[in-house]
C-alpha cells in the first residue's frame, strides 16, 4: 500500500461528550496520520475525523471511500445496561468494509467492528479486562486477550492505550516501510517496533536501576547486528546468567533472545532494502543474517515476501536499483 485516506471515528457518550480515552486515542491517530511528514514521503496520509461531535470534519458517512477506517474506544460499550453501537455507525462500517477498506480498532472499538460483523471469523484483541465481554457477545470472533495487536491482513485490532500507537506505527510500516516508520517513531520518542505478539501484561518487577534493565545491552546489540552475537555474550554484558537473561527477555518482549535478535536483523534488512541499492549478499552481511540464501529464508518467513519483492514495493518510481 501507500499513504492514503485514513478515517477515524468518534462516538460520543450518552451526554454527547468524549471521554479522556477517546481524546487520547484521537490524538494518537492524529499524531501518526494527521501531521504531514512529507519530508519522509510525499504525499502523507489524509485524515478524516468522522462522527456527530464538534471535533469531526465528516459524519459517519465519511468512512465510506477511505482506505483505512480506525475505530477508537466506544463509550459505554462494556458498561452494564450499555447502549447499542449506533445503527448509523454500524451501517457505515459495513459499507466501508464491503468497499475494501482496511478496518482497524483500538481497544473497545472492537465492539463496534464486531457489531458490524467485520470481525466474524477473525482473531481480535481488546484490553484483557474487556475480552470476556467481547467473546460472550460475539462468539464468531476469536478473542485473544494476551497480545498487543493482531494483523489479519485487512482487519487489525489492538489492546488499549499504548498498544494503539504500536498498531498505528505498524500500519505505517506496512504502507511506507520500516525506514519511514522507524524515523516517525524516533520523532514521537517511542520504540520503533513492538511486535503485535508481545504480551499485554508482564508480571515482572520494574528494574530498580539502569544496571538491572535490559535496555543498555539490547541497544548495544542493535548497534552490532552485523557481528556474530551469542546469548551468552549478551548475558555477560547484562551481568546475568544465560538462564536469567533468557527469562528476562521473554518476560519483557514475549520471545527468546535469539528470536529477538532475528526480528531486529530482519528489520535492519528491511531498512537497507528500502533505502539502499546494496546487493542482497551485502544486505545479508550488514544485517547479520549471513548469506543471501539465509537472508531470503529468514526474510520471507518473517515478512511474507522475498527480499527482491519487498525492495520492488518500496523503490521510488524511476530510481535505479542494483543488485537485485
C-alpha atoms as a PDB file:
ATOM      1  CA  UNK A   1       0.000   0.000   0.000  1.00  0.00           C
ATOM      2  CA  UNK A   2       0.904   3.667   0.145  1.00  0.00           C
ATOM      3  CA  UNK A   3      -0.270   6.647   2.167  1.00  0.00           C
ATOM      4  CA  UNK A   4      -3.986   7.149   1.598  1.00  0.00           C
ATOM      5  CA  UNK A   5      -7.123   8.419   3.332  1.00  0.00           C
ATOM      6  CA  UNK A   6      -7.467   7.412   6.978  1.00  0.00           C
ATOM      7  CA  UNK A   7     -10.880   7.923   8.588  1.00  0.00           C
ATOM      8  CA  UNK A   8     -11.098   7.840  12.381  1.00  0.00           C
ATOM      9  CA  UNK A   9     -14.450   7.503  14.177  1.00  0.00           C
ATOM     10  CA  UNK A  10     -15.521   9.489  17.238  1.00  0.00           C
ATOM     11  CA  UNK A  11     -18.545   8.159  19.120  1.00  0.00           C
ATOM     12  CA  UNK A  12     -19.902  10.475  21.866  1.00  0.00           C
ATOM     13  CA  UNK A  13     -21.198   9.118  25.157  1.00  0.00           C
ATOM     14  CA  UNK A  14     -24.819   9.471  26.275  1.00  0.00           C
ATOM     15  CA  UNK A  15     -24.175  13.080  27.316  1.00  0.00           C
ATOM     16  CA  UNK A  16     -22.746  13.916  23.898  1.00  0.00           C
ATOM     17  CA  UNK A  17     -19.187  14.250  25.183  1.00  0.00           C
ATOM     18  CA  UNK A  18     -15.910  12.445  24.672  1.00  0.00           C
ATOM     19  CA  UNK A  19     -14.059  10.533  27.361  1.00  0.00           C
ATOM     20  CA  UNK A  20     -10.341  11.018  28.095  1.00  0.00           C
ATOM     21  CA  UNK A  21      -9.727   7.701  26.322  1.00  0.00           C
ATOM     22  CA  UNK A  22     -11.468   8.972  23.188  1.00  0.00           C
ATOM     23  CA  UNK A  23      -9.329  12.089  23.187  1.00  0.00           C
ATOM     24  CA  UNK A  24      -6.146  10.126  23.868  1.00  0.00           C
ATOM     25  CA  UNK A  25      -6.748   7.709  21.012  1.00  0.00           C
ATOM     26  CA  UNK A  26      -7.799  10.533  18.676  1.00  0.00           C
ATOM     27  CA  UNK A  27      -4.529  12.295  19.454  1.00  0.00           C
ATOM     28  CA  UNK A  28      -2.619   9.052  18.800  1.00  0.00           C
ATOM     29  CA  UNK A  29      -4.187   8.666  15.362  1.00  0.00           C
ATOM     30  CA  UNK A  30      -3.738  12.368  14.647  1.00  0.00           C
ATOM     31  CA  UNK A  31      -0.025  12.355  15.564  1.00  0.00           C
ATOM     32  CA  UNK A  32       0.665   9.443  13.229  1.00  0.00           C
ATOM     33  CA  UNK A  33      -1.644  10.125  10.283  1.00  0.00           C
ATOM     34  CA  UNK A  34      -2.783  13.733  10.651  1.00  0.00           C
ATOM     35  CA  UNK A  35       0.557  15.534  10.921  1.00  0.00           C
ATOM     36  CA  UNK A  36       2.189  15.690   7.452  1.00  0.00           C
ATOM     37  CA  UNK A  37       5.679  14.223   7.323  1.00  0.00           C
ATOM     38  CA  UNK A  38       6.230  14.961   3.664  1.00  0.00           C
ATOM     39  CA  UNK A  39       9.996  15.007   4.149  1.00  0.00           C
ATOM     40  CA  UNK A  40       9.707  11.256   4.792  1.00  0.00           C
ATOM     41  CA  UNK A  41       7.301  10.547   1.938  1.00  0.00           C
ATOM     42  CA  UNK A  42       5.098  12.752  -0.195  1.00  0.00           C
ATOM     43  CA  UNK A  43       2.139  12.658  -0.144  1.00  0.00           C
ATOM     44  CA  UNK A  44       1.498  11.792   3.506  1.00  0.00           C
ATOM     45  CA  UNK A  45      -1.821  10.419   4.735  1.00  0.00           C
ATOM     46  CA  UNK A  46      -5.034  12.467   4.593  1.00  0.00           C
ATOM     47  CA  UNK A  47      -7.005  12.245   7.855  1.00  0.00           C
ATOM     48  CA  UNK A  48     -10.783  12.442   8.221  1.00  0.00           C
ATOM     49  CA  UNK A  49     -12.381  12.730  11.661  1.00  0.00           C
ATOM     50  CA  UNK A  50     -15.900  11.274  11.443  1.00  0.00           C
ATOM     51  CA  UNK A  51     -18.802  11.402  13.870  1.00  0.00           C
ATOM     52  CA  UNK A  52     -21.514  13.577  15.427  1.00  0.00           C
ATOM     53  CA  UNK A  53     -19.130  15.688  17.528  1.00  0.00           C
ATOM     54  CA  UNK A  54     -17.733  19.219  17.093  1.00  0.00           C
ATOM     55  CA  UNK A  55     -14.210  17.847  16.546  1.00  0.00           C
ATOM     56  CA  UNK A  56     -15.325  15.944  13.432  1.00  0.00           C
ATOM     57  CA  UNK A  57     -14.902  17.079   9.848  1.00  0.00           C
ATOM     58  CA  UNK A  58     -17.317  14.454   8.481  1.00  0.00           C
ATOM     59  CA  UNK A  59     -20.286  12.456   9.645  1.00  0.00           C
ATOM     60  CA  UNK A  60     -20.207   8.656   9.822  1.00  0.00           C
ATOM     61  CA  UNK A  61     -20.678   8.665   6.057  1.00  0.00           C
ATOM     62  CA  UNK A  62     -17.100   9.915   5.745  1.00  0.00           C
ATOM     63  CA  UNK A  63     -15.908   6.374   6.474  1.00  0.00           C
ATOM     64  CA  UNK A  64     -17.032   5.281   3.039  1.00  0.00           C
ATOM     65  CA  UNK A  65     -14.313   5.807   0.449  1.00  0.00           C
ATOM     66  CA  UNK A  66     -11.477   5.849   2.999  1.00  0.00           C
ATOM     67  CA  UNK A  67      -8.548   3.493   2.509  1.00  0.00           C
ATOM     68  CA  UNK A  68      -8.287   2.795   6.247  1.00  0.00           C
ATOM     69  CA  UNK A  69     -11.013   3.077   8.890  1.00  0.00           C
ATOM     70  CA  UNK A  70      -9.951   3.311  12.554  1.00  0.00           C
ATOM     71  CA  UNK A  71     -12.460   2.905  15.387  1.00  0.00           C
ATOM     72  CA  UNK A  72     -11.053   4.003  18.769  1.00  0.00           C
ATOM     73  CA  UNK A  73     -12.758   3.223  22.072  1.00  0.00           C
ATOM     74  CA  UNK A  74     -16.546   3.199  22.025  1.00  0.00           C
ATOM     75  CA  UNK A  75     -18.089   4.795  25.144  1.00  0.00           C
ATOM     76  CA  UNK A  76     -20.327   2.575  27.289  1.00  0.00           C
ATOM     77  CA  UNK A  77     -19.550  -0.468  25.126  1.00  0.00           C
ATOM     78  CA  UNK A  78     -18.596  -2.549  28.143  1.00  0.00           C
ATOM     79  CA  UNK A  79     -20.848  -0.995  30.779  1.00  0.00           C
ATOM     80  CA  UNK A  80     -23.837  -2.706  32.360  1.00  0.00           C
ATOM     81  CA  UNK A  81     -27.004  -1.563  30.637  1.00  0.00           C
ATOM     82  CA  UNK A  82     -24.838  -0.496  27.735  1.00  0.00           C
ATOM     83  CA  UNK A  83     -26.114   1.340  24.688  1.00  0.00           C
ATOM     84  CA  UNK A  84     -26.056  -0.434  21.384  1.00  0.00           C
ATOM     85  CA  UNK A  85     -23.463   0.724  18.854  1.00  0.00           C
ATOM     86  CA  UNK A  86     -25.237   3.450  16.828  1.00  0.00           C
ATOM     87  CA  UNK A  87     -27.055   1.922  13.851  1.00  0.00           C
ATOM     88  CA  UNK A  88     -25.739   4.659  11.553  1.00  0.00           C
ATOM     89  CA  UNK A  89     -22.165   3.763  12.528  1.00  0.00           C
ATOM     90  CA  UNK A  90     -22.791   0.033  12.030  1.00  0.00           C
ATOM     91  CA  UNK A  91     -24.179   0.717   8.545  1.00  0.00           C
ATOM     92  CA  UNK A  92     -21.217   2.932   7.618  1.00  0.00           C
ATOM     93  CA  UNK A  93     -18.722   0.333   8.883  1.00  0.00           C
ATOM     94  CA  UNK A  94     -20.400  -2.384   6.839  1.00  0.00           C
ATOM     95  CA  UNK A  95     -20.340  -0.219   3.725  1.00  0.00           C
ATOM     96  CA  UNK A  96     -16.681   0.720   4.228  1.00  0.00           C
ATOM     97  CA  UNK A  97     -15.787  -2.930   4.775  1.00  0.00           C
ATOM     98  CA  UNK A  98     -17.695  -4.009   1.672  1.00  0.00           C
ATOM     99  CA  UNK A  99     -15.804  -1.400  -0.368  1.00  0.00           C
ATOM    100  CA  UNK A 100     -12.467  -2.968   0.632  1.00  0.00           C
ATOM    101  CA  UNK A 101     -11.261  -0.527   3.276  1.00  0.00           C
ATOM    102  CA  UNK A 102      -8.744  -1.707   5.838  1.00  0.00           C
ATOM    103  CA  UNK A 103     -10.679  -1.995   9.114  1.00  0.00           C
ATOM    104  CA  UNK A 104      -8.900  -1.185  12.383  1.00  0.00           C
ATOM    105  CA  UNK A 105      -9.989  -0.970  16.014  1.00  0.00           C
ATOM    106  CA  UNK A 106      -8.299   0.318  19.151  1.00  0.00           C
ATOM    107  CA  UNK A 107      -9.386  -1.293  22.431  1.00  0.00           C
ATOM    108  CA  UNK A 108     -13.208  -1.248  22.788  1.00  0.00           C
ATOM    109  CA  UNK A 109     -13.573  -0.063  19.212  1.00  0.00           C
ATOM    110  CA  UNK A 110     -13.555  -3.813  18.549  1.00  0.00           C
ATOM    111  CA  UNK A 111     -17.124  -3.911  19.879  1.00  0.00           C
ATOM    112  CA  UNK A 112     -18.200  -1.637  17.004  1.00  0.00           C
ATOM    113  CA  UNK A 113     -16.388  -3.697  14.362  1.00  0.00           C
ATOM    114  CA  UNK A 114     -17.893  -6.857  15.875  1.00  0.00           C
ATOM    115  CA  UNK A 115     -21.403  -5.347  15.838  1.00  0.00           C
ATOM    116  CA  UNK A 116     -20.941  -4.680  12.113  1.00  0.00           C
ATOM    117  CA  UNK A 117     -19.826  -8.267  11.510  1.00  0.00           C
ATOM    118  CA  UNK A 118     -16.365  -7.157  10.421  1.00  0.00           C
ATOM    119  CA  UNK A 119     -14.604  -9.353  12.992  1.00  0.00           C
ATOM    120  CA  UNK A 120     -16.570 -12.533  12.292  1.00  0.00           C
ATOM    121  CA  UNK A 121     -14.117 -15.354  11.642  1.00  0.00           C
ATOM    122  CA  UNK A 122     -11.142 -13.232  12.673  1.00  0.00           C
ATOM    123  CA  UNK A 123      -8.814 -13.145  15.663  1.00  0.00           C
ATOM    124  CA  UNK A 124      -9.209  -9.880  17.556  1.00  0.00           C
ATOM    125  CA  UNK A 125      -7.840  -8.289  20.705  1.00  0.00           C
ATOM    126  CA  UNK A 126      -9.089  -5.771  23.264  1.00  0.00           C
ATOM    127  CA  UNK A 127      -7.744  -4.846  26.669  1.00  0.00           C
ATOM    128  CA  UNK A 128      -7.701  -8.041  28.710  1.00  0.00           C
ATOM    129  CA  UNK A 129     -10.317  -6.621  31.112  1.00  0.00           C
ATOM    130  CA  UNK A 130     -12.882  -6.449  28.292  1.00  0.00           C
ATOM    131  CA  UNK A 131     -12.053  -9.667  26.466  1.00  0.00           C
ATOM    132  CA  UNK A 132     -14.651 -11.830  28.270  1.00  0.00           C
ATOM    133  CA  UNK A 133     -17.471  -9.429  27.335  1.00  0.00           C
ATOM    134  CA  UNK A 134     -16.406  -9.301  23.678  1.00  0.00           C
ATOM    135  CA  UNK A 135     -16.177 -13.100  23.491  1.00  0.00           C
ATOM    136  CA  UNK A 136     -19.576 -13.591  25.167  1.00  0.00           C
ATOM    137  CA  UNK A 137     -21.412 -11.109  22.931  1.00  0.00           C
ATOM    138  CA  UNK A 138     -19.727 -12.081  19.673  1.00  0.00           C
ATOM    139  CA  UNK A 139     -18.993 -15.830  19.642  1.00  0.00           C
ATOM    140  CA  UNK A 140     -17.953 -15.775  15.966  1.00  0.00           C
ATOM    141  CA  UNK A 141     -14.931 -13.645  16.919  1.00  0.00           C
ATOM    142  CA  UNK A 142     -11.790 -15.389  18.190  1.00  0.00           C
ATOM    143  CA  UNK A 143     -10.817 -13.125  21.080  1.00  0.00           C
ATOM    144  CA  UNK A 144      -7.156 -13.044  22.121  1.00  0.00           C
ATOM    145  CA  UNK A 145      -6.548 -11.235  25.396  1.00  0.00           C
ATOM    146  CA  UNK A 146      -2.817 -11.843  25.517  1.00  0.00           C
ATOM    147  CA  UNK A 147      -1.216  -9.743  22.750  1.00  0.00           C
ATOM    148  CA  UNK A 148      -0.702  -6.076  21.891  1.00  0.00           C
ATOM    149  CA  UNK A 149      -2.341  -6.169  18.468  1.00  0.00           C
ATOM    150  CA  UNK A 150      -3.464  -8.532  15.740  1.00  0.00           C
ATOM    151  CA  UNK A 151      -2.965  -8.261  11.984  1.00  0.00           C
ATOM    152  CA  UNK A 152      -5.298 -10.380   9.863  1.00  0.00           C
ATOM    153  CA  UNK A 153      -4.459  -8.572   6.650  1.00  0.00           C
ATOM    154  CA  UNK A 154      -7.393  -6.228   6.077  1.00  0.00           C
ATOM    155  CA  UNK A 155      -8.657  -6.462   9.672  1.00  0.00           C
ATOM    156  CA  UNK A 156      -6.441  -5.263  12.532  1.00  0.00           C
ATOM    157  CA  UNK A 157      -7.186  -4.753  16.234  1.00  0.00           C
ATOM    158  CA  UNK A 158      -5.239  -3.523  19.244  1.00  0.00           C
ATOM    159  CA  UNK A 159      -5.458  -3.511  23.005  1.00  0.00           C
ATOM    160  CA  UNK A 160      -5.775  -0.203  24.814  1.00  0.00           C
ATOM    161  CA  UNK A 161      -3.615   2.885  25.346  1.00  0.00           C
ATOM    162  CA  UNK A 162      -0.016   2.492  24.122  1.00  0.00           C
ATOM    163  CA  UNK A 163      -0.859  -0.609  22.065  1.00  0.00           C
ATOM    164  CA  UNK A 164      -2.928   1.635  19.788  1.00  0.00           C
ATOM    165  CA  UNK A 165       0.178   3.665  18.971  1.00  0.00           C
ATOM    166  CA  UNK A 166       2.079   0.444  18.300  1.00  0.00           C
ATOM    167  CA  UNK A 167      -0.617  -0.586  15.840  1.00  0.00           C
ATOM    168  CA  UNK A 168      -0.605   2.804  14.087  1.00  0.00           C
ATOM    169  CA  UNK A 169       3.173   2.574  13.595  1.00  0.00           C
ATOM    170  CA  UNK A 170       2.702  -0.990  12.357  1.00  0.00           C
ATOM    171  CA  UNK A 171       0.309   0.348   9.703  1.00  0.00           C
ATOM    172  CA  UNK A 172       2.878   2.932   8.608  1.00  0.00           C
ATOM    173  CA  UNK A 173       5.476   0.176   8.474  1.00  0.00           C
ATOM    174  CA  UNK A 174       3.226  -1.923   6.213  1.00  0.00           C
ATOM    175  CA  UNK A 175       2.364   1.030   3.969  1.00  0.00           C
ATOM    176  CA  UNK A 176       5.580   3.013   3.747  1.00  0.00           C
ATOM    177  CA  UNK A 177       8.310   0.719   5.002  1.00  0.00           C
ATOM    178  CA  UNK A 178      10.471   0.178   8.057  1.00  0.00           C
ATOM    179  CA  UNK A 179      12.637   3.243   7.401  1.00  0.00           C
ATOM    180  CA  UNK A 180       9.732   5.715   7.428  1.00  0.00           C
ATOM    181  CA  UNK A 181       8.093   4.024  10.415  1.00  0.00           C
ATOM    182  CA  UNK A 182      11.365   4.000  12.332  1.00  0.00           C
ATOM    183  CA  UNK A 183      12.032   7.690  11.722  1.00  0.00           C
ATOM    184  CA  UNK A 184       8.464   8.574  12.685  1.00  0.00           C
ATOM    185  CA  UNK A 185       8.856   6.570  15.898  1.00  0.00           C
ATOM    186  CA  UNK A 186      12.044   8.474  16.696  1.00  0.00           C
ATOM    187  CA  UNK A 187      10.190  11.755  16.237  1.00  0.00           C
ATOM    188  CA  UNK A 188       7.489  10.527  18.607  1.00  0.00           C
ATOM    189  CA  UNK A 189      10.174   9.270  21.023  1.00  0.00           C
ATOM    190  CA  UNK A 190       8.774   5.732  21.171  1.00  0.00           C
ATOM    191  CA  UNK A 191      10.212   2.297  20.292  1.00  0.00           C
ATOM    192  CA  UNK A 192      10.472   1.834  16.546  1.00  0.00           C
ATOM    193  CA  UNK A 193       8.716  -1.520  16.531  1.00  0.00           C
ATOM    194  CA  UNK A 194       6.935  -3.588  19.163  1.00  0.00           C
ATOM    195  CA  UNK A 195       5.687  -6.788  17.508  1.00  0.00           C
ATOM    196  CA  UNK A 196       1.995  -7.451  17.967  1.00  0.00           C
ATOM    197  CA  UNK A 197       2.675 -10.781  19.635  1.00  0.00           C
ATOM    198  CA  UNK A 198       4.259  -9.196  22.684  1.00  0.00           C
ATOM    199  CA  UNK A 199       2.227  -9.791  25.855  1.00  0.00           C
ATOM    200  CA  UNK A 200      -0.143  -7.069  27.077  1.00  0.00           C
ATOM    201  CA  UNK A 201       0.947  -7.562  30.653  1.00  0.00           C
ATOM    202  CA  UNK A 202       4.199  -8.751  32.162  1.00  0.00           C
ATOM    203  CA  UNK A 203       4.250  -9.869  35.776  1.00  0.00           C
ATOM    204  CA  UNK A 204       7.808  -8.767  36.447  1.00  0.00           C
ATOM    205  CA  UNK A 205       9.244  -6.192  38.848  1.00  0.00           C
ATOM    206  CA  UNK A 206      10.324  -2.827  37.491  1.00  0.00           C
ATOM    207  CA  UNK A 207      14.145  -2.654  37.471  1.00  0.00           C
ATOM    208  CA  UNK A 208      15.482  -0.614  40.363  1.00  0.00           C
ATOM    209  CA  UNK A 209      18.217   0.908  38.213  1.00  0.00           C
ATOM    210  CA  UNK A 210      19.533   1.076  34.660  1.00  0.00           C
ATOM    211  CA  UNK A 211      22.038  -1.629  35.586  1.00  0.00           C
ATOM    212  CA  UNK A 212      19.145  -4.068  36.063  1.00  0.00           C
ATOM    213  CA  UNK A 213      17.456  -3.019  32.825  1.00  0.00           C
ATOM    214  CA  UNK A 214      17.777  -4.847  29.523  1.00  0.00           C
ATOM    215  CA  UNK A 215      17.852  -1.517  27.668  1.00  0.00           C
ATOM    216  CA  UNK A 216      21.625  -0.902  27.595  1.00  0.00           C
ATOM    217  CA  UNK A 217      22.595  -4.389  26.418  1.00  0.00           C
ATOM    218  CA  UNK A 218      19.847  -4.557  23.780  1.00  0.00           C
ATOM    219  CA  UNK A 219      20.876  -1.125  22.494  1.00  0.00           C
ATOM    220  CA  UNK A 220      24.469  -2.375  22.352  1.00  0.00           C
ATOM    221  CA  UNK A 221      23.282  -5.373  20.307  1.00  0.00           C
ATOM    222  CA  UNK A 222      21.297  -3.178  17.894  1.00  0.00           C
ATOM    223  CA  UNK A 223      24.483  -1.279  17.034  1.00  0.00           C
ATOM    224  CA  UNK A 224      26.289  -4.561  16.248  1.00  0.00           C
ATOM    225  CA  UNK A 225      23.748  -6.606  14.320  1.00  0.00           C
ATOM    226  CA  UNK A 226      26.330  -7.191  11.579  1.00  0.00           C
ATOM    227  CA  UNK A 227      28.550  -9.012  14.081  1.00  0.00           C
ATOM    228  CA  UNK A 228      28.104 -12.573  15.392  1.00  0.00           C
ATOM    229  CA  UNK A 229      26.258 -12.227  18.699  1.00  0.00           C
ATOM    230  CA  UNK A 230      25.607 -15.019  21.161  1.00  0.00           C
ATOM    231  CA  UNK A 231      23.132 -15.188  24.033  1.00  0.00           C
ATOM    232  CA  UNK A 232      25.998 -15.966  26.387  1.00  0.00           C
ATOM    233  CA  UNK A 233      27.796 -12.768  25.356  1.00  0.00           C
ATOM    234  CA  UNK A 234      24.666 -10.648  25.794  1.00  0.00           C
ATOM    235  CA  UNK A 235      24.005 -12.245  29.167  1.00  0.00           C
ATOM    236  CA  UNK A 236      27.548 -11.454  30.323  1.00  0.00           C
ATOM    237  CA  UNK A 237      27.148  -7.825  29.270  1.00  0.00           C
ATOM    238  CA  UNK A 238      23.844  -7.682  31.131  1.00  0.00           C
ATOM    239  CA  UNK A 239      25.584  -9.203  34.189  1.00  0.00           C
ATOM    240  CA  UNK A 240      23.116 -12.072  34.258  1.00  0.00           C
ATOM    241  CA  UNK A 241      23.309 -15.800  33.854  1.00  0.00           C
ATOM    242  CA  UNK A 242      22.160 -17.028  30.401  1.00  0.00           C
ATOM    243  CA  UNK A 243      19.108 -18.573  32.060  1.00  0.00           C
ATOM    244  CA  UNK A 244      18.142 -15.331  33.811  1.00  0.00           C
ATOM    245  CA  UNK A 245      18.776 -13.289  30.669  1.00  0.00           C
ATOM    246  CA  UNK A 246      16.586 -15.661  28.631  1.00  0.00           C
ATOM    247  CA  UNK A 247      13.782 -15.329  31.186  1.00  0.00           C
ATOM    248  CA  UNK A 248      14.034 -11.539  31.374  1.00  0.00           C
ATOM    249  CA  UNK A 249      13.918 -11.123  27.593  1.00  0.00           C
ATOM    250  CA  UNK A 250      10.915 -13.439  27.357  1.00  0.00           C
ATOM    251  CA  UNK A 251       9.130 -11.507  30.116  1.00  0.00           C
ATOM    252  CA  UNK A 252       9.825  -8.123  28.524  1.00  0.00           C
ATOM    253  CA  UNK A 253       9.458  -8.969  24.836  1.00  0.00           C
ATOM    254  CA  UNK A 254       7.397 -12.152  24.679  1.00  0.00           C
ATOM    255  CA  UNK A 255      10.110 -14.065  22.810  1.00  0.00           C
ATOM    256  CA  UNK A 256      13.526 -15.658  23.237  1.00  0.00           C
ATOM    257  CA  UNK A 257      16.796 -13.729  22.916  1.00  0.00           C
ATOM    258  CA  UNK A 258      17.598 -15.500  19.621  1.00  0.00           C
ATOM    259  CA  UNK A 259      14.184 -14.684  18.173  1.00  0.00           C
ATOM    260  CA  UNK A 260      14.555 -11.064  19.346  1.00  0.00           C
ATOM    261  CA  UNK A 261      17.884 -10.859  17.503  1.00  0.00           C
ATOM    262  CA  UNK A 262      16.331 -12.383  14.390  1.00  0.00           C
ATOM    263  CA  UNK A 263      13.499  -9.821  14.427  1.00  0.00           C
ATOM    264  CA  UNK A 264      15.983  -6.955  14.687  1.00  0.00           C
ATOM    265  CA  UNK A 265      18.105  -8.340  11.861  1.00  0.00           C
ATOM    266  CA  UNK A 266      15.103  -8.730   9.592  1.00  0.00           C
ATOM    267  CA  UNK A 267      14.062  -5.157  10.440  1.00  0.00           C
ATOM    268  CA  UNK A 268      17.587  -3.969   9.596  1.00  0.00           C
ATOM    269  CA  UNK A 269      17.389  -5.809   6.274  1.00  0.00           C
ATOM    270  CA  UNK A 270      14.043  -4.133   5.546  1.00  0.00           C
ATOM    271  CA  UNK A 271      15.543  -0.696   6.099  1.00  0.00           C
ATOM    272  CA  UNK A 272      18.531  -1.457   3.867  1.00  0.00           C
ATOM    273  CA  UNK A 273      16.296  -2.838   1.111  1.00  0.00           C
ATOM    274  CA  UNK A 274      14.182   0.317   1.223  1.00  0.00           C
ATOM    275  CA  UNK A 275      16.933   2.897   1.434  1.00  0.00           C
ATOM    276  CA  UNK A 276      19.944   1.480  -0.441  1.00  0.00           C
ATOM    277  CA  UNK A 277      20.873  -0.281  -3.660  1.00  0.00           C
ATOM    278  CA  UNK A 278      23.146  -2.746  -1.877  1.00  0.00           C
ATOM    279  CA  UNK A 279      23.036  -6.254  -3.335  1.00  0.00           C
ATOM    280  CA  UNK A 280      21.218  -8.846  -1.257  1.00  0.00           C
ATOM    281  CA  UNK A 281      24.519 -10.581  -0.449  1.00  0.00           C
ATOM    282  CA  UNK A 282      25.798  -7.393   1.193  1.00  0.00           C
ATOM    283  CA  UNK A 283      22.483  -6.804   2.987  1.00  0.00           C
ATOM    284  CA  UNK A 284      22.729 -10.302   4.430  1.00  0.00           C
ATOM    285  CA  UNK A 285      26.155  -9.396   5.827  1.00  0.00           C
ATOM    286  CA  UNK A 286      25.162  -5.936   7.100  1.00  0.00           C
ATOM    287  CA  UNK A 287      22.062  -7.259   8.883  1.00  0.00           C
ATOM    288  CA  UNK A 288      23.852 -10.236  10.407  1.00  0.00           C
ATOM    289  CA  UNK A 289      21.757 -12.766   8.508  1.00  0.00           C
ATOM    290  CA  UNK A 290      24.774 -14.089   6.619  1.00  0.00           C
ATOM    291  CA  UNK A 291      24.475 -15.432   3.089  1.00  0.00           C
ATOM    292  CA  UNK A 292      21.927 -14.306   0.519  1.00  0.00           C
ATOM    293  CA  UNK A 293      20.199 -17.689   0.851  1.00  0.00           C
ATOM    294  CA  UNK A 294      19.940 -17.310   4.619  1.00  0.00           C
ATOM    295  CA  UNK A 295      18.620 -13.770   4.202  1.00  0.00           C
ATOM    296  CA  UNK A 296      15.947 -14.950   1.774  1.00  0.00           C
ATOM    297  CA  UNK A 297      14.860 -17.788   4.042  1.00  0.00           C
ATOM    298  CA  UNK A 298      14.509 -15.761   7.236  1.00  0.00           C
ATOM    299  CA  UNK A 299      13.187 -12.635   5.498  1.00  0.00           C
ATOM    300  CA  UNK A 300      10.497 -14.465   3.532  1.00  0.00           C
ATOM    301  CA  UNK A 301       9.384 -16.373   6.621  1.00  0.00           C
ATOM    302  CA  UNK A 302       9.110 -13.179   8.713  1.00  0.00           C
ATOM    303  CA  UNK A 303       7.775 -10.683   6.159  1.00  0.00           C
ATOM    304  CA  UNK A 304       5.850 -12.933   3.796  1.00  0.00           C
ATOM    305  CA  UNK A 305       7.626 -11.846   0.603  1.00  0.00           C
ATOM    306  CA  UNK A 306      11.145 -12.256  -0.728  1.00  0.00           C
ATOM    307  CA  UNK A 307      13.762  -9.509  -0.318  1.00  0.00           C
ATOM    308  CA  UNK A 308      13.559  -8.824  -4.063  1.00  0.00           C
ATOM    309  CA  UNK A 309       9.771  -8.406  -3.991  1.00  0.00           C
ATOM    310  CA  UNK A 310       9.987  -6.242  -0.872  1.00  0.00           C
ATOM    311  CA  UNK A 311      12.583  -3.951  -2.428  1.00  0.00           C
ATOM    312  CA  UNK A 312      10.478  -3.598  -5.555  1.00  0.00           C
ATOM    313  CA  UNK A 313       7.486  -2.480  -3.454  1.00  0.00           C
ATOM    314  CA  UNK A 314       9.442   0.287  -1.738  1.00  0.00           C
ATOM    315  CA  UNK A 315      11.690   1.516  -4.539  1.00  0.00           C
ATOM    316  CA  UNK A 316      10.594   5.007  -5.609  1.00  0.00           C
ATOM    317  CA  UNK A 317       9.475   5.214  -9.219  1.00  0.00           C
ATOM    318  CA  UNK A 318      12.331   5.974 -11.532  1.00  0.00           C
ATOM    319  CA  UNK A 319      15.134   5.282  -9.076  1.00  0.00           C
ATOM    320  CA  UNK A 320      17.668   2.757 -10.388  1.00  0.00           C
ATOM    321  CA  UNK A 321      18.069  -0.295  -8.193  1.00  0.00           C
ATOM    322  CA  UNK A 322      21.107  -2.505  -8.416  1.00  0.00           C
ATOM    323  CA  UNK A 323      21.960  -5.901  -7.041  1.00  0.00           C
ATOM    324  CA  UNK A 324      18.516  -7.432  -7.041  1.00  0.00           C
END
